[in-house]
Amino acid sequence: MKIGYVRSSTKEQNLSLQLDALKKEGCEKIYQEKISGAKAARPELQRMIEQLRVGDIIIIWKLDRMGKSLRDLINLVNEIQKKGAGLKSLNDAIDTTTPQGKLIFHLFASLAEFEKDIIRERTKPGLEAARARGRAGGRPKGLSKEAQDKAMVAETLYTKGDKSVTEICKHLNIARSTLYNYLRYRNVKLK
């Protein structure tokens, strides 16, 4: 069965161009949504993938209508292929139901992996050079000025003993673990 998927990023965008092309291609069912591709949750896309059967072909207008990034697209295509279905993009010359289409798609996937490895390769020597000069990456040690102020208030409330730990946390709008971190930072002996 040919199944279509159309998406627009905003409510104002019209889906007619995509819908017309998918109907012309012979899609028997079309899933559509108006949601940003950057959103992790795309309910119609997920519903479509869950309902796929062996031999189904998903037809899309362009690859960017389906995936928010190349990595996301690769993951989606792998999920589709595990179900025994294929993907065809009308404007990107991708059709994973053919050997050539699979090859092209896997070349894209390999290029994405290569790019990730190159970035990792460039980053590693930079971090090592920074460490050699005495600079460490990551979050700075200690507390911010605001956190230090809260830690001081937490110490006062805790040592006074008028409020329970839960009440102090609610008063300062912090988690219990954060309160204990603040108290350790202030060298307060815990009860």
Protein backbone atom coordinates (compact mmCIF):
# COMPACT_ATOMS: atom_id res chain seq x y z
CA MET A 1 0.00 0.00 0.00
CA LYS A 2 1.24 3.50 -0.81
CA ILE A 3 0.99 5.72 2.26
CA GLY A 4 1.64 9.45 2.19
CA TYR A 5 3.04 11.73 4.85
CA VAL A 6 2.85 15.53 4.64
CA ARG A 7 3.98 18.10 7.16
CA SER A 8 4.20 21.85 7.31
CA SER A 9 6.16 23.74 9.94
CA THR A 10 3.52 26.35 10.68
CA LYS A 11 -0.26 26.50 10.77
CA GLU A 12 -0.19 29.18 8.05
CA GLN A 13 1.57 26.98 5.49
CA ASN A 14 -0.69 25.20 3.02
CA LEU A 15 -0.35 21.45 2.51
CA SER A 16 -2.13 21.39 -0.91
CA LEU A 17 1.03 21.14 -3.03
CA GLN A 18 2.24 18.11 -1.07
CA LEU A 19 -1.23 16.53 -0.90
CA ASP A 20 -1.82 16.91 -4.65
CA ALA A 21 1.55 15.30 -5.48
CA LEU A 22 0.94 12.36 -3.12
CA LYS A 23 -2.58 11.76 -4.47
CA LYS A 24 -1.20 11.85 -8.02
CA GLU A 25 1.41 9.26 -6.93
CA GLY A 26 -1.45 6.95 -5.86
CA CYS A 27 -1.34 7.17 -2.05
CA GLU A 28 -4.31 5.37 -0.55
CA LYS A 29 -3.89 6.92 2.88
CA ILE A 30 -2.20 10.22 3.79
CA TYR A 31 -1.08 11.26 7.27
CA GLN A 32 -0.72 15.00 7.74
CA GLU A 33 0.33 17.35 10.48
CA LYS A 34 1.19 21.00 10.97
CA ILE A 35 4.04 20.94 13.43
CA SER A 36 7.65 22.07 13.49
CA GLY A 37 10.10 19.43 12.29
CA ALA A 38 12.31 20.36 15.26
CA LYS A 39 9.70 18.98 17.66
CA ALA A 40 10.61 15.53 18.89
CA ALA A 41 6.98 14.44 19.07
CA ARG A 42 5.28 14.20 15.71
CA PRO A 43 2.21 12.11 16.58
CA GLU A 44 0.96 11.48 13.04
CA LEU A 45 4.40 10.35 11.87
CA GLN A 46 4.66 7.94 14.80
CA ARG A 47 1.11 6.66 14.24
CA MET A 48 1.91 6.03 10.57
CA ILE A 49 5.11 4.12 11.40
CA GLU A 50 3.33 2.02 14.04
CA GLN A 51 0.68 0.98 11.49
CA LEU A 52 3.13 0.01 8.72
CA ARG A 53 2.96 -3.47 7.24
CA VAL A 54 5.44 -5.44 5.15
CA GLY A 55 5.47 -4.11 1.58
CA ASP A 56 4.06 -0.66 2.39
CA ILE A 57 5.76 2.33 0.78
CA ILE A 58 5.78 5.72 2.45
CA ILE A 59 5.69 8.54 -0.08
CA ILE A 60 6.86 12.02 0.94
CA TRP A 61 7.23 15.30 -0.96
CA LYS A 62 10.79 15.97 0.25
CA LEU A 63 13.10 14.44 2.87
CA ASP A 64 12.95 17.59 5.03
CA ARG A 65 9.20 17.02 5.49
CA MET A 66 9.96 13.82 7.38
CA GLY A 67 13.21 14.23 9.29
CA LYS A 68 14.42 17.14 11.38
CA SER A 69 18.06 16.18 10.75
CA LEU A 70 19.99 13.62 8.74
CA ARG A 71 20.50 11.56 11.90
CA ASP A 72 16.74 11.64 12.62
CA LEU A 73 15.97 10.69 9.02
CA ILE A 74 18.38 7.76 9.14
CA ASN A 75 16.77 6.50 12.34
CA LEU A 76 13.28 6.82 10.83
CA VAL A 77 14.28 4.98 7.64
CA ASN A 78 15.86 2.19 9.70
CA GLU A 79 12.63 1.92 11.70
CA ILE A 80 10.60 1.81 8.46
CA GLN A 81 12.87 -0.86 6.94
CA LYS A 82 12.66 -3.02 10.09
CA LYS A 83 8.91 -3.15 9.47
CA GLY A 84 9.55 -4.37 5.92
CA ALA A 85 8.41 -1.10 4.34
CA GLY A 86 10.14 1.41 2.08
CA LEU A 87 10.44 5.17 1.64
CA LYS A 88 10.15 7.20 -1.54
CA SER A 89 10.82 10.94 -1.74
CA LEU A 90 9.32 12.57 -4.81
CA ASN A 91 11.80 15.47 -5.02
CA ASP A 92 15.03 13.92 -3.69
CA ALA A 93 15.47 10.87 -5.96
CA ILE A 94 15.40 8.57 -2.93
CA ASP A 95 13.50 5.31 -3.15
CA THR A 96 14.59 2.67 -0.62
CA THR A 97 12.48 0.07 -2.41
CA THR A 98 15.13 -0.10 -5.16
CA PRO A 99 18.76 -1.21 -4.81
CA GLN A 100 20.00 2.15 -6.16
CA GLY A 101 17.78 4.08 -3.74
CA LYS A 102 19.07 2.05 -0.81
CA LEU A 103 22.64 2.70 -1.95
CA ILE A 104 22.11 6.46 -2.19
CA PHE A 105 20.42 6.57 1.20
CA HIS A 106 23.23 4.56 2.82
CA LEU A 107 25.78 6.90 1.22
CA PHE A 108 23.99 9.80 2.94
CA ALA A 109 24.09 7.88 6.22
CA SER A 110 27.81 7.15 5.78
CA LEU A 111 28.54 10.81 5.05
CA ALA A 112 26.67 11.84 8.21
CA GLU A 113 28.67 9.33 10.26
CA PHE A 114 31.90 10.53 8.63
CA GLU A 115 31.05 14.15 9.49
CA LYS A 116 30.40 13.19 13.13
CA ASP A 117 33.75 11.34 13.31
CA ILE A 118 35.63 14.32 11.81
CA ILE A 119 34.11 16.68 14.40
CA ARG A 120 35.06 14.26 17.19
CA GLU A 121 38.57 13.93 15.72
CA ARG A 122 39.04 17.72 15.65
CA THR A 123 37.61 18.25 19.13
CA LYS A 124 39.78 15.68 20.93
CA PRO A 125 43.22 17.31 20.24
CA GLY A 126 41.78 20.72 21.18
CA LEU A 127 40.61 19.41 24.55
CA GLU A 128 43.95 17.67 25.15
CA ALA A 129 45.85 20.89 24.35
CA ALA A 130 43.63 22.85 26.74
CA ARG A 131 44.20 20.30 29.51
CA ALA A 132 47.97 20.48 28.91
CA ARG A 133 47.74 24.25 29.50
CA GLY A 134 45.87 23.61 32.74
CA ARG A 135 42.37 24.34 31.50
CA ALA A 136 39.66 21.81 32.18
CA GLY A 137 36.45 21.58 30.18
CA GLY A 138 32.98 21.28 31.59
CA ARG A 139 31.05 23.28 34.11
CA PRO A 140 33.12 25.50 36.43
CA LYS A 141 33.64 24.16 39.95
CA GLY A 142 31.81 25.81 42.82
CA LEU A 143 28.56 27.73 42.94
CA SER A 144 27.31 30.79 41.11
CA LYS A 145 26.77 34.00 43.09
CA GLU A 146 23.01 33.34 43.22
CA ALA A 147 23.57 29.76 44.41
CA GLN A 148 26.05 30.95 47.06
CA ASP A 149 23.39 33.36 48.38
CA LYS A 150 20.82 30.56 48.50
CA ALA A 151 23.36 28.30 50.22
CA MET A 152 23.86 30.94 52.93
CA VAL A 153 20.09 31.23 53.49
CA ALA A 154 19.78 27.42 53.48
CA GLU A 155 22.50 27.19 56.14
CA THR A 156 20.74 29.77 58.35
CA LEU A 157 17.35 28.06 58.06
CA TYR A 158 18.82 24.59 58.59
CA THR A 159 20.96 25.46 61.64
CA LYS A 160 18.14 27.47 63.21
CA GLY A 161 16.04 24.29 63.25
CA ASP A 162 12.64 26.04 62.95
CA LYS A 163 11.81 24.48 59.58
CA SER A 164 11.93 20.93 58.29
CA VAL A 165 14.09 20.02 55.30
CA THR A 166 10.94 19.85 53.14
CA GLU A 167 9.85 23.32 54.27
CA ILE A 168 13.30 24.77 53.56
CA CYS A 169 13.27 23.23 50.07
CA LYS A 170 9.82 24.67 49.35
CA HIS A 171 10.83 28.08 50.73
CA LEU A 172 13.96 28.21 48.54
CA ASN A 173 12.33 26.39 45.60
CA ILE A 174 15.12 23.81 45.41
CA ALA A 175 15.35 20.02 45.44
CA ARG A 176 16.32 18.14 48.59
CA SER A 177 19.60 17.01 46.98
CA THR A 178 20.43 20.64 46.12
CA LEU A 179 19.82 21.66 49.75
CA TYR A 180 22.26 19.00 50.96
CA ASN A 181 24.81 20.08 48.33
CA TYR A 182 24.49 23.68 49.56
CA LEU A 183 24.93 22.59 53.17
CA ARG A 184 28.04 20.54 52.33
CA TYR A 185 29.40 23.52 50.38
CA ARG A 186 28.94 25.66 53.52
CA ASN A 187 30.58 22.90 55.67
CA VAL A 188 27.42 22.46 57.74
CA LYS A 189 27.30 19.33 59.84
CA LEU A 190 24.25 17.37 58.72
CA LYS A 191 21.82 16.13 61.35
